[in-house]
């Protein structure tokens, strides 16, 4: 067997084995050393390939592809710093349990540590974030090499689903010549397996009775079958914006951040006296104030984690179960007709909603824009929220209009948020909310909508800087605040819209933002000009109004 035949057999069989275990999509960043693997992916009739010229954005784009259904998605790059650029997204995938298949091509051993170009130590470079990592052998003519490759893919596939789901890393050294034999399609012969996660149900689940709070963060699992139970009168369900079961529930508390912002001692006492337990499901919620409530309450807390790497934040639970949420919760809680606690929370939530409705009509700040965007966007569109202010404003101004919501909250960074949103937008129509600093950070990812003809609306709140820092203690240190934290960029994103072929609209008033604009097909960039100080002032006024309302509320 010639070297070319061995290279072809190994790379083609490797890609086909990944397909067998569920990989139907891969994002490729162009490079030379990855040539045989890229060609194998392109030739495979059942694998959809995307080309993203920036490795950092490519990896986040793959996260977006996997975001909703958590199917394994591959990323492929050449050797050297190209591989290092995957690091932010791999960390996000690790913390968010995204089954990302990271494939880094590499120089063979004789070219490492001798000064050869594009040769860095890649083996184990993602060890802090991946569930599994291995280096495949350099192509040779031994049948044992093919068997070893199949074994390695089988081992990695155990992390594509289930309680240990997360990213895996294959480092693949490749010698020259790097061109495979493109006629050897016989290696693509496998059928895709069903890799659905098995049900995981702990033993000896303690049965809870009485009234309780159920806080639901983001989950990989679809919780639709729990609707009858979650609608029980004795359960007060509190949902994070990223938990899309909230769009189907008869009753849910979405403005919990405001409820827990100014609780009186009497209402705290009422909660502790009326509730019998707290159940936390999935990832921790975004709201800092809700998490603070979980820290101080004396109620027993039960955590249901989908995954073995349990996240006890913000407070160590009294009891933890990990496994299939839809199997565990019905065994854990008894539905009853007790409704005192849920009625009080609903009453306070309704009063807060009325207060917000009244407040937003008086101001043209970013909160008002977010409110109108939610109201004016058709429910079939999905929102992707950037980190910092967009997800917090969405939580604050969420309304009964029901949209699915996604965000990157594993590592909570602003890296790659546009790319992630665009990956999601290959599956459904997406509207993204983002600030000007985050927009600038991932600007070149706008290209993917053009390359892949993706329907995508991106709404940029341009307040000329990092708005979230105005709400943090740093704001009080005025001498250095603007330079170190406010970071005004003085950018005009109309130029970016022209560069990447987006329809562009600049909005300077609420009246200029129409429902027709929000629901337009195609690629569009809407830039909303706002003022950071005005946003802060109106936010503080609403905060004062909510404080008065919550303080006056009598349970």
Protein backbone atom coordinates (compact mmCIF):
# COMPACT_ATOMS: atom_id res chain seq x y z
CA UNK A 1 0.00 0.00 0.00
CA UNK A 2 1.39 3.40 -0.96
CA UNK A 3 1.52 6.27 1.52
CA UNK A 4 -1.22 8.08 -0.42
CA UNK A 5 -3.45 5.03 -0.21
CA UNK A 6 -2.80 4.70 3.52
CA UNK A 7 -3.48 8.40 4.08
CA UNK A 8 -6.71 8.15 2.09
CA UNK A 9 -7.88 5.02 3.89
CA UNK A 10 -7.24 6.45 7.34
CA UNK A 11 -8.63 9.95 6.84
CA UNK A 12 -11.68 8.81 4.87
CA UNK A 13 -12.48 6.03 7.35
CA UNK A 14 -12.00 8.42 10.25
CA UNK A 15 -14.49 10.94 8.86
CA UNK A 16 -16.93 8.15 7.97
CA UNK A 17 -16.68 6.78 11.52
CA UNK A 18 -17.52 10.22 12.92
CA UNK A 19 -20.55 10.29 10.63
CA UNK A 20 -21.55 6.84 11.92
CA UNK A 21 -21.69 8.24 15.46
CA UNK A 22 -23.73 11.31 14.60
CA UNK A 23 -21.55 13.99 12.98
CA UNK A 24 -23.51 15.34 10.00
CA UNK A 25 -22.06 18.88 9.96
CA UNK A 26 -18.55 20.28 10.15
CA UNK A 27 -17.09 23.79 10.00
CA UNK A 28 -13.78 23.92 8.12
CA UNK A 29 -11.22 26.71 8.26
CA UNK A 30 -8.97 26.65 5.18
CA UNK A 31 -5.40 25.42 5.61
CA UNK A 32 -2.85 23.15 3.99
CA UNK A 33 -2.05 20.51 6.61
CA UNK A 34 -5.75 19.65 7.03
CA UNK A 35 -6.16 18.98 3.28
CA UNK A 36 -6.96 15.22 3.34
CA UNK A 37 -9.47 15.65 6.15
CA UNK A 38 -11.17 18.63 4.50
CA UNK A 39 -11.45 16.76 1.20
CA UNK A 40 -12.87 13.72 3.00
CA UNK A 41 -15.58 15.87 4.57
CA UNK A 42 -16.39 17.56 1.28
CA UNK A 43 -16.64 14.24 -0.57
CA UNK A 44 -18.87 12.59 2.05
CA UNK A 45 -22.40 12.82 0.68
CA UNK A 46 -24.04 12.85 4.12
CA UNK A 47 -21.91 15.54 5.76
CA UNK A 48 -22.75 19.23 5.35
CA UNK A 49 -19.63 21.41 5.26
CA UNK A 50 -19.36 25.09 6.15
CA UNK A 51 -16.28 27.20 5.41
CA UNK A 52 -15.33 29.84 7.96
CA UNK A 53 -11.95 31.58 7.38
CA UNK A 54 -11.47 32.53 11.06
CA UNK A 55 -10.91 29.63 13.45
CA UNK A 56 -12.22 31.45 16.51
CA UNK A 57 -15.48 32.30 14.76
CA UNK A 58 -15.65 28.88 13.11
CA UNK A 59 -15.69 27.09 16.45
CA UNK A 60 -18.45 29.34 17.78
CA UNK A 61 -20.42 28.87 14.55
CA UNK A 62 -20.31 25.13 15.24
CA UNK A 63 -21.61 25.74 18.77
CA UNK A 64 -24.54 27.56 17.20
CA UNK A 65 -25.19 24.62 14.87
CA UNK A 66 -25.38 22.30 17.89
CA UNK A 67 -27.07 24.74 20.28
CA UNK A 68 -30.69 23.65 20.04
CA UNK A 69 -30.60 19.87 19.56
CA UNK A 70 -27.09 19.20 20.92
CA UNK A 71 -26.07 17.00 18.00
CA UNK A 72 -22.30 16.46 17.53
CA UNK A 73 -20.73 19.01 15.16
CA UNK A 74 -17.14 19.00 13.92
CA UNK A 75 -14.57 21.76 13.48
CA UNK A 76 -11.41 21.30 11.43
CA UNK A 77 -8.30 23.45 11.06
CA UNK A 78 -4.66 23.37 10.08
CA UNK A 79 -1.77 23.30 12.56
CA UNK A 80 -0.22 26.02 14.70
CA UNK A 81 -1.99 29.09 16.05
CA UNK A 82 -5.03 28.14 13.96
CA UNK A 83 -5.71 25.42 16.52
CA UNK A 84 -5.07 27.76 19.45
CA UNK A 85 -7.82 30.06 18.18
CA UNK A 86 -10.34 27.33 19.02
CA UNK A 87 -9.67 27.74 22.75
CA UNK A 88 -12.41 30.25 23.71
CA UNK A 89 -15.13 28.23 21.99
CA UNK A 90 -13.88 24.91 23.36
CA UNK A 91 -14.05 26.38 26.87
CA UNK A 92 -17.63 27.53 26.17
CA UNK A 93 -18.55 24.10 24.79
CA UNK A 94 -17.05 22.39 27.82
CA UNK A 95 -19.00 24.49 30.29
CA UNK A 96 -22.20 24.36 28.20
CA UNK A 97 -22.06 20.62 27.41
CA UNK A 98 -21.94 21.11 23.64
CA UNK A 99 -20.71 17.96 21.80
CA UNK A 100 -18.08 19.75 19.72
CA UNK A 101 -15.70 17.46 17.80
CA UNK A 102 -12.43 19.39 17.64
CA UNK A 103 -10.13 18.15 14.86
CA UNK A 104 -6.72 19.78 14.67
CA UNK A 105 -4.31 18.65 11.97
CA UNK A 106 -0.66 18.69 13.01
CA UNK A 107 2.91 18.35 11.83
CA UNK A 108 4.46 14.89 12.32
CA UNK A 109 6.92 14.31 15.18
CA UNK A 110 10.02 14.99 13.10
CA UNK A 111 8.86 18.58 12.44
CA UNK A 112 8.13 19.49 16.06
CA UNK A 113 10.54 21.45 18.28
CA UNK A 114 13.03 21.89 15.45
CA UNK A 115 11.94 25.27 14.11
CA UNK A 116 9.60 24.02 11.37
CA UNK A 117 6.78 26.46 10.52
CA UNK A 118 3.30 26.16 12.02
CA UNK A 119 4.46 23.59 14.56
CA UNK A 120 3.39 24.04 18.18
CA UNK A 121 2.61 21.50 20.88
CA UNK A 122 -1.05 20.72 20.12
CA UNK A 123 -1.49 17.42 21.90
CA UNK A 124 -3.56 18.05 25.02
CA UNK A 125 -3.90 21.77 24.34
CA UNK A 126 -7.59 21.75 25.35
CA UNK A 127 -7.19 19.41 28.32
CA UNK A 128 -8.93 21.79 30.75
CA UNK A 129 -12.13 21.78 28.71
CA UNK A 130 -12.62 18.54 26.74
CA UNK A 131 -14.11 15.26 27.95
CA UNK A 132 -11.79 13.16 25.80
CA UNK A 133 -8.58 13.77 23.85
CA UNK A 134 -6.31 11.64 21.73
CA UNK A 135 -3.72 11.79 18.98
CA UNK A 136 -4.22 9.54 15.97
CA UNK A 137 -1.26 7.75 14.37
CA UNK A 138 0.49 9.05 11.27
CA UNK A 139 -0.86 7.20 8.24
CA UNK A 140 0.78 3.83 7.51
CA UNK A 141 -0.16 0.62 5.76
CA UNK A 142 -0.95 -1.47 8.84
CA UNK A 143 -4.54 -2.65 9.30
CA UNK A 144 -4.12 -2.09 13.03
CA UNK A 145 -4.06 1.68 12.40
CA UNK A 146 -7.57 1.58 10.93
CA UNK A 147 -8.78 -0.51 13.86
CA UNK A 148 -7.21 1.93 16.31
CA UNK A 149 -8.92 4.89 14.64
CA UNK A 150 -12.31 3.18 14.89
CA UNK A 151 -11.66 2.41 18.55
CA UNK A 152 -10.75 6.05 19.27
CA UNK A 153 -13.91 7.34 17.57
CA UNK A 154 -15.99 4.82 19.53
CA UNK A 155 -14.43 6.02 22.79
CA UNK A 156 -15.02 9.68 21.91
CA UNK A 157 -18.63 9.00 20.92
CA UNK A 158 -19.48 8.20 24.54
CA UNK A 159 -19.32 11.97 25.14
CA UNK A 160 -21.59 12.96 22.24
CA UNK A 161 -24.70 12.41 24.43
CA UNK A 162 -25.64 11.59 28.00
CA UNK A 163 -24.57 12.76 31.43
CA UNK A 164 -20.95 13.39 30.33
CA UNK A 165 -21.76 15.18 27.07
CA UNK A 166 -19.19 17.72 25.91
CA UNK A 167 -16.35 18.47 23.49
CA UNK A 168 -13.69 15.98 22.40
CA UNK A 169 -10.33 16.61 20.72
CA UNK A 170 -8.57 14.65 17.99
CA UNK A 171 -5.05 15.80 17.11
CA UNK A 172 -3.98 14.31 13.78
CA UNK A 173 -0.36 14.53 12.55
CA UNK A 174 -0.10 14.36 8.76
CA UNK A 175 3.01 13.88 6.61
CA UNK A 176 3.48 15.14 3.10
CA UNK A 177 2.33 14.50 0.43
CA UNK A 178 -1.01 15.60 1.80
CA UNK A 179 -3.33 14.99 -1.17
CA UNK A 180 -5.58 11.92 -0.81
CA UNK A 181 -6.89 9.78 -3.66
CA UNK A 182 -10.28 11.39 -4.30
CA UNK A 183 -11.50 8.33 -6.22
CA UNK A 184 -11.52 6.02 -3.19
CA UNK A 185 -15.08 6.71 -2.10
CA UNK A 186 -15.46 3.07 -1.10
CA UNK A 187 -14.37 4.09 2.40
CA UNK A 188 -17.66 5.96 2.88
CA UNK A 189 -19.93 3.01 3.60
CA UNK A 190 -21.19 3.30 7.17
CA UNK A 191 -24.76 3.93 8.26
CA UNK A 192 -25.49 6.42 11.03
CA UNK A 193 -26.23 4.93 14.43
CA UNK A 194 -28.91 6.06 16.84
CA UNK A 195 -26.89 7.74 19.58
CA UNK A 196 -29.83 8.95 21.66
CA UNK A 197 -28.88 9.37 25.29
CA UNK A 198 -30.07 6.56 27.57
CA UNK A 199 -32.42 7.46 30.39
CA UNK A 200 -30.59 8.04 33.66
CA UNK A 201 -32.70 7.76 36.81
CA UNK A 202 -31.17 7.79 40.31
CA UNK A 203 -32.42 5.41 42.95
CA UNK A 204 -34.05 6.40 46.24
CA UNK A 205 -35.48 9.73 45.12
CA UNK A 206 -37.02 11.50 48.09
CA UNK A 207 -40.70 12.37 47.55
CA UNK A 208 -41.53 16.02 48.30
CA UNK A 209 -44.92 17.25 49.48
CA UNK A 210 -46.30 20.74 49.92
CA UNK A 211 -45.60 23.98 48.07
CA UNK A 212 -42.33 24.80 46.40
CA UNK A 213 -40.36 27.07 44.13
CA UNK A 214 -38.99 25.51 40.95
CA UNK A 215 -36.15 27.47 39.34
CA UNK A 216 -35.31 26.31 35.83
CA UNK A 217 -32.15 27.40 34.06
CA UNK A 218 -31.04 26.38 30.60
CA UNK A 219 -31.29 22.66 29.84
CA UNK A 220 -30.19 20.55 26.91
CA UNK A 221 -33.23 18.36 27.52
CA UNK A 222 -36.63 19.36 26.15
CA UNK A 223 -38.93 19.64 29.16
CA UNK A 224 -42.22 19.73 27.23
CA UNK A 225 -43.50 16.48 28.71
CA UNK A 226 -43.27 18.05 32.18
CA UNK A 227 -45.85 20.74 31.35
CA UNK A 228 -48.76 19.14 33.28
CA UNK A 229 -46.58 18.75 36.38
CA UNK A 230 -45.02 22.22 36.15
CA UNK A 231 -48.50 23.73 35.82
CA UNK A 232 -49.48 22.22 39.18
CA UNK A 233 -50.91 24.76 41.63
CA UNK A 234 -48.43 23.97 44.38
CA UNK A 235 -45.42 24.84 42.21
CA UNK A 236 -44.20 28.38 41.57
CA UNK A 237 -42.11 28.07 38.42
CA UNK A 238 -39.35 30.61 37.84
CA UNK A 239 -37.66 30.49 34.43
CA UNK A 240 -34.42 31.91 33.11
CA UNK A 241 -34.80 33.64 29.71
CA UNK A 242 -32.86 30.73 28.13
CA UNK A 243 -35.33 28.12 29.40
CA UNK A 244 -37.78 27.88 26.53
CA UNK A 245 -40.36 25.81 28.40
CA UNK A 246 -41.46 29.24 29.70
CA UNK A 247 -43.17 29.86 26.34
CA UNK A 248 -45.50 26.88 26.89
CA UNK A 249 -46.34 27.12 30.60
CA UNK A 250 -49.73 28.37 31.78
CA UNK A 251 -48.00 30.33 34.51
CA UNK A 252 -44.37 31.23 35.02
CA UNK A 253 -42.42 33.98 36.76
CA UNK A 254 -40.04 35.63 34.28
CA UNK A 255 -39.46 38.93 36.13
CA UNK A 256 -38.00 37.21 39.19
CA UNK A 257 -34.93 39.46 39.07
CA UNK A 258 -37.17 42.38 40.02
CA UNK A 259 -39.09 40.37 42.61
CA UNK A 260 -35.92 39.38 44.45
CA UNK A 261 -34.30 42.79 44.09
CA UNK A 262 -36.02 44.42 47.05
CA UNK A 263 -37.71 41.73 49.14
CA UNK A 264 -38.88 42.95 52.52
CA UNK A 265 -38.17 40.97 55.65
CA UNK A 266 -41.87 40.18 55.94
CA UNK A 267 -42.04 38.75 52.41
CA UNK A 268 -38.86 36.76 53.01
CA UNK A 269 -40.45 35.35 56.14
CA UNK A 270 -43.62 34.57 54.18
CA UNK A 271 -41.64 32.60 51.59
CA UNK A 272 -39.77 30.62 54.24
CA UNK A 273 -43.02 29.88 56.10
CA UNK A 274 -45.19 29.06 53.06
CA UNK A 275 -42.76 27.11 50.89
CA UNK A 276 -41.59 23.63 51.80
CA UNK A 277 -38.78 23.22 49.29
CA UNK A 278 -36.87 24.70 46.36
CA UNK A 279 -36.07 22.64 43.27
CA UNK A 280 -33.33 23.88 40.94
CA UNK A 281 -33.15 22.41 37.44
CA UNK A 282 -30.36 22.74 34.88
CA UNK A 283 -27.83 25.55 34.69
CA UNK A 284 -27.75 28.36 37.27
CA UNK A 285 -30.06 31.23 36.34
CA UNK A 286 -28.59 34.47 34.98
CA UNK A 287 -30.06 36.79 37.61
CA UNK A 288 -27.58 37.74 40.34
CA UNK A 289 -30.42 38.84 42.63
CA UNK A 290 -32.28 35.55 42.26
CA UNK A 291 -29.05 33.72 43.04
CA UNK A 292 -28.61 35.92 46.10
CA UNK A 293 -32.06 34.81 47.27
CA UNK A 294 -30.95 31.20 46.96
CA UNK A 295 -27.94 31.99 49.14
CA UNK A 296 -29.86 33.39 52.11
CA UNK A 297 -33.04 31.30 52.17
CA UNK A 298 -33.19 28.53 54.74
CA UNK A 299 -35.50 26.37 52.61
CA UNK A 300 -34.15 22.93 51.64
CA UNK A 301 -32.82 22.96 48.08
CA UNK A 302 -32.90 20.03 45.65
CA UNK A 303 -30.77 20.23 42.49
CA UNK A 304 -31.54 18.22 39.36
CA UNK A 305 -28.49 18.25 37.10
CA UNK A 306 -28.50 16.78 33.61
CA UNK A 307 -24.79 16.13 33.84
CA UNK A 308 -22.26 14.55 36.17
CA UNK A 309 -20.21 17.74 36.44
CA UNK A 310 -22.72 19.24 38.84
CA UNK A 311 -22.87 23.04 39.20
CA UNK A 312 -23.92 23.80 42.79
CA UNK A 313 -23.67 27.60 42.38
CA UNK A 314 -24.90 29.76 44.04
CA UNK A 315 -25.39 27.52 47.11
CA UNK A 316 -24.59 23.91 47.81
CA UNK A 317 -27.92 22.04 47.56
CA UNK A 318 -29.14 19.78 50.33
CA UNK A 319 -29.78 16.95 47.87
CA UNK A 320 -28.52 16.50 44.29
CA UNK A 321 -29.75 14.17 41.57
CA UNK A 322 -28.21 13.91 38.13
CA UNK A 323 -29.75 12.31 35.08
CA UNK A 324 -32.85 12.67 32.91
CA UNK A 325 -34.88 15.62 34.20
CA UNK A 326 -38.17 14.37 32.71
CA UNK A 327 -37.74 11.12 34.66
CA UNK A 328 -36.51 12.59 37.94
CA UNK A 329 -38.92 15.49 38.55
CA UNK A 330 -42.16 13.40 38.46
CA UNK A 331 -40.59 11.04 41.01
CA UNK A 332 -39.47 13.94 43.19
CA UNK A 333 -42.51 16.19 43.56
CA UNK A 334 -46.17 15.50 44.30
CA UNK A 335 -48.69 17.76 42.50
CA UNK A 336 -51.37 19.20 44.80
CA UNK A 337 -53.99 21.94 44.74
CA UNK A 338 -52.23 24.17 47.29
CA UNK A 339 -51.86 27.53 45.59
CA UNK A 340 -51.20 30.17 48.26
CA UNK A 341 -47.53 30.70 47.40
CA UNK A 342 -47.94 30.67 43.62
CA UNK A 343 -50.84 33.13 43.82
CA UNK A 344 -48.74 35.60 45.82
CA UNK A 345 -45.84 35.38 43.38
CA UNK A 346 -48.18 35.78 40.41
CA UNK A 347 -49.83 38.80 42.01
CA UNK A 348 -46.47 40.50 42.63
CA UNK A 349 -45.23 39.54 39.17
CA UNK A 350 -48.34 41.06 37.57
CA UNK A 351 -47.92 44.30 39.53
CA UNK A 352 -44.30 44.53 38.40
CA UNK A 353 -45.32 43.94 34.78
CA UNK A 354 -47.86 46.75 35.02
CA UNK A 355 -45.21 49.02 36.53
CA UNK A 356 -42.80 48.22 33.69
CA UNK A 357 -45.52 48.83 31.10
CA UNK A 358 -46.19 52.24 32.61
CA UNK A 359 -42.50 53.08 32.93
CA UNK A 360 -41.41 52.23 29.40
CA UNK A 361 -43.98 54.56 27.86
CA UNK A 362 -42.15 57.50 29.46
CA UNK A 363 -38.63 56.79 28.16
CA UNK A 364 -36.77 56.01 24.94
CA UNK A 365 -33.91 54.13 26.57
CA UNK A 366 -32.52 50.72 25.61
CA UNK A 367 -35.05 48.99 27.86
CA UNK A 368 -37.90 50.57 25.91
CA UNK A 369 -36.33 49.44 22.65
CA UNK A 370 -35.94 45.88 23.96
CA UNK A 371 -39.58 45.90 25.10
CA UNK A 372 -40.79 47.10 21.69
CA UNK A 373 -38.53 44.64 19.85
CA UNK A 374 -39.99 41.74 21.83
CA UNK A 375 -43.54 42.97 21.21
CA UNK A 376 -42.98 43.66 17.52
CA UNK A 377 -41.09 40.50 16.55
CA UNK A 378 -43.12 37.55 15.27
CA UNK A 379 -43.12 34.60 17.65
CA UNK A 380 -41.67 32.22 15.06
CA UNK A 381 -38.41 34.15 15.20
CA UNK A 382 -35.82 33.11 17.79
CA UNK A 383 -33.81 35.58 19.85
CA UNK A 384 -30.10 35.19 20.43
CA UNK A 385 -28.89 37.45 23.23
CA UNK A 386 -25.34 38.65 23.61
CA UNK A 387 -23.70 38.75 27.03
CA UNK A 388 -23.67 41.82 29.28
CA UNK A 389 -26.76 44.04 28.91
CA UNK A 390 -28.90 42.32 26.20
CA UNK A 391 -29.72 39.20 28.23
CA UNK A 392 -30.33 41.28 31.36
CA UNK A 393 -32.56 43.79 29.59
CA UNK A 394 -34.48 40.94 27.94
CA UNK A 395 -35.05 39.37 31.34
CA UNK A 396 -36.17 42.71 32.78
CA UNK A 397 -38.55 43.60 29.95
CA UNK A 398 -39.72 40.13 28.89
CA UNK A 399 -43.43 40.16 28.09
CA UNK A 400 -46.15 37.53 27.53
CA UNK A 401 -45.05 37.32 23.87
CA UNK A 402 -43.42 33.91 23.53
CA UNK A 403 -40.10 33.56 21.72
CA UNK A 404 -37.40 30.93 22.07
CA UNK A 405 -34.19 32.42 23.47
CA UNK A 406 -30.56 31.31 23.30
CA UNK A 407 -27.32 32.76 24.62
CA UNK A 408 -23.75 31.74 25.46
CA UNK A 409 -23.65 31.52 29.25
CA UNK A 410 -21.14 28.74 29.81
CA UNK A 411 -18.14 31.03 30.18
CA UNK A 412 -20.29 34.18 29.80
CA UNK A 413 -17.82 35.81 27.41
CA UNK A 414 -18.49 38.14 24.50
CA UNK A 415 -16.28 36.03 22.21
CA UNK A 416 -17.93 34.62 19.12
CA UNK A 417 -21.50 35.62 19.94
CA UNK A 418 -22.29 36.65 16.35
CA UNK A 419 -20.86 33.40 15.03
CA UNK A 420 -22.91 31.36 17.49
CA UNK A 421 -26.07 33.22 16.54
CA UNK A 422 -25.38 32.63 12.84
CA UNK A 423 -24.84 28.91 13.43
CA UNK A 424 -28.24 28.79 15.13
CA UNK A 425 -29.71 30.85 12.27
CA UNK A 426 -28.97 28.05 9.79
CA UNK A 427 -31.81 26.16 11.52
CA UNK A 428 -34.37 28.95 12.07
CA UNK A 429 -34.90 32.68 11.71
CA UNK A 430 -32.86 34.53 14.33
CA UNK A 431 -32.90 38.07 15.67
CA UNK A 432 -29.81 38.95 17.65
CA UNK A 433 -29.47 41.69 20.29
CA UNK A 434 -25.92 42.92 20.88
CA UNK A 435 -23.98 45.94 22.13
CA UNK A 436 -21.37 47.88 20.18
CA UNK A 437 -18.35 46.51 22.09
CA UNK A 438 -19.39 42.87 21.59
CA UNK A 439 -20.29 43.64 17.98
CA UNK A 440 -16.81 44.95 17.27
CA UNK A 441 -15.26 41.93 18.99
CA UNK A 442 -16.76 39.41 16.54
CA UNK A 443 -17.39 41.67 13.55
CA UNK A 444 -15.84 39.50 10.85
CA UNK A 445 -18.28 36.68 11.60
CA UNK A 446 -20.97 38.71 9.81
CA UNK A 447 -19.41 37.25 6.67
CA UNK A 448 -21.01 33.83 7.27
CA UNK A 449 -24.53 35.12 6.61
CA UNK A 450 -23.36 36.23 3.18
CA UNK A 451 -21.41 33.05 2.40
CA UNK A 452 -24.22 30.72 3.48
CA UNK A 453 -27.17 32.97 2.53
CA UNK A 454 -28.48 32.95 6.11
CA UNK A 455 -31.63 34.84 7.10
CA UNK A 456 -30.39 36.96 10.00
CA UNK A 457 -31.31 40.21 11.74
CA UNK A 458 -28.73 41.74 14.07
CA UNK A 459 -29.75 44.68 16.25
CA UNK A 460 -26.85 46.68 17.66
CA UNK A 461 -27.35 48.98 20.64
CA UNK A 462 -24.66 51.57 20.02
CA UNK A 463 -24.19 53.49 23.27
CA UNK A 464 -20.53 54.09 22.44
CA UNK A 465 -19.00 51.82 25.03
CA UNK A 466 -19.43 49.13 27.65
CA UNK A 467 -22.85 49.94 29.08
CA UNK A 468 -22.84 47.24 31.75
CA UNK A 469 -19.95 48.87 33.64
CA UNK A 470 -22.18 51.86 34.38
CA UNK A 471 -24.17 49.57 36.69
CA UNK A 472 -21.12 48.28 38.56
CA UNK A 473 -19.00 49.77 41.38
CA UNK A 474 -16.35 50.92 38.90
CA UNK A 475 -18.72 53.69 37.80
CA UNK A 476 -18.14 55.58 41.04
CA UNK A 477 -14.45 55.99 40.20
CA UNK A 478 -14.97 58.77 37.67
CA UNK A 479 -11.32 59.82 37.01
CA UNK A 480 -10.50 56.54 35.23
CA UNK A 481 -13.92 55.08 34.46
CA UNK A 482 -14.35 56.18 30.86
CA UNK A 483 -10.90 55.14 29.67
CA UNK A 484 -10.69 51.81 31.52
CA UNK A 485 -14.32 50.66 31.52
CA UNK A 486 -16.57 52.93 29.47
CA UNK A 487 -14.27 52.35 26.47
CA UNK A 488 -15.97 54.59 23.88
CA UNK A 489 -15.26 53.20 20.40
CA UNK A 490 -16.87 55.89 18.20
CA UNK A 491 -17.91 53.35 15.58
CA UNK A 492 -20.41 53.60 12.74
CA UNK A 493 -21.63 50.12 11.82
CA UNK A 494 -23.08 51.26 8.51
CA UNK A 495 -19.64 50.60 7.06
CA UNK A 496 -19.73 47.01 8.34
CA UNK A 497 -23.16 46.51 6.78
CA UNK A 498 -21.81 47.63 3.42
CA UNK A 499 -18.69 45.49 3.76
CA UNK A 500 -20.66 42.29 4.46
CA UNK A 501 -23.66 43.08 2.24
CA UNK A 502 -26.36 43.64 4.87
CA UNK A 503 -29.37 45.91 4.53
CA UNK A 504 -28.77 48.74 6.99
CA UNK A 505 -31.06 50.92 9.11
CA UNK A 506 -30.04 53.48 11.70
CA UNK A 507 -32.62 54.12 14.42
CA UNK A 508 -32.65 57.34 16.44
CA UNK A 509 -36.19 57.15 17.82
CA UNK A 510 -38.73 54.56 18.93
CA UNK A 511 -41.09 55.65 16.13
CA UNK A 512 -38.52 54.68 13.49
CA UNK A 513 -38.48 51.03 14.62
CA UNK A 514 -41.33 49.27 12.81
CA UNK A 515 -42.70 45.75 13.07
CA UNK A 516 -42.18 45.37 9.32
CA UNK A 517 -38.48 46.11 9.78
CA UNK A 518 -38.14 43.65 12.67
CA UNK A 519 -39.65 40.78 10.68
CA UNK A 520 -37.99 41.37 7.32
CA UNK A 521 -36.38 38.41 5.56
CA UNK A 522 -32.76 38.41 4.47
CA UNK A 523 -29.67 39.90 6.07
CA UNK A 524 -30.12 43.15 7.93
CA UNK A 525 -28.22 45.21 10.46
CA UNK A 526 -30.24 47.61 12.61
CA UNK A 527 -28.14 50.11 14.56
CA UNK A 528 -29.97 51.77 17.46
CA UNK A 529 -28.25 54.88 18.78
CA UNK A 530 -28.61 55.31 22.55
CA UNK A 531 -26.96 57.24 25.36
CA UNK A 532 -25.29 55.41 28.23
CA UNK A 533 -26.04 58.04 30.87
CA UNK A 534 -29.69 58.27 29.81
CA UNK A 535 -29.94 54.48 29.96
CA UNK A 536 -28.48 54.48 33.46
CA UNK A 537 -30.77 57.24 34.69
CA UNK A 538 -33.97 55.61 33.39
CA UNK A 539 -32.83 52.23 34.71
CA UNK A 540 -32.33 53.73 38.16
CA UNK A 541 -35.76 55.36 38.04
CA UNK A 542 -37.37 52.02 37.21
CA UNK A 543 -35.34 50.38 39.95
CA UNK A 544 -36.69 52.92 42.46
CA UNK A 545 -40.27 52.34 41.27
CA UNK A 546 -39.88 48.57 41.59
CA UNK A 547 -38.33 48.94 45.03
CA UNK A 548 -41.33 50.94 46.21
CA UNK A 549 -43.76 48.46 44.68
CA UNK A 550 -42.08 45.40 46.20
CA UNK A 551 -41.70 47.13 49.56
CA UNK A 552 -45.40 48.02 49.64
CA UNK A 553 -46.54 44.56 48.53
CA UNK A 554 -48.22 42.59 51.29
CA UNK A 555 -48.27 38.82 51.09
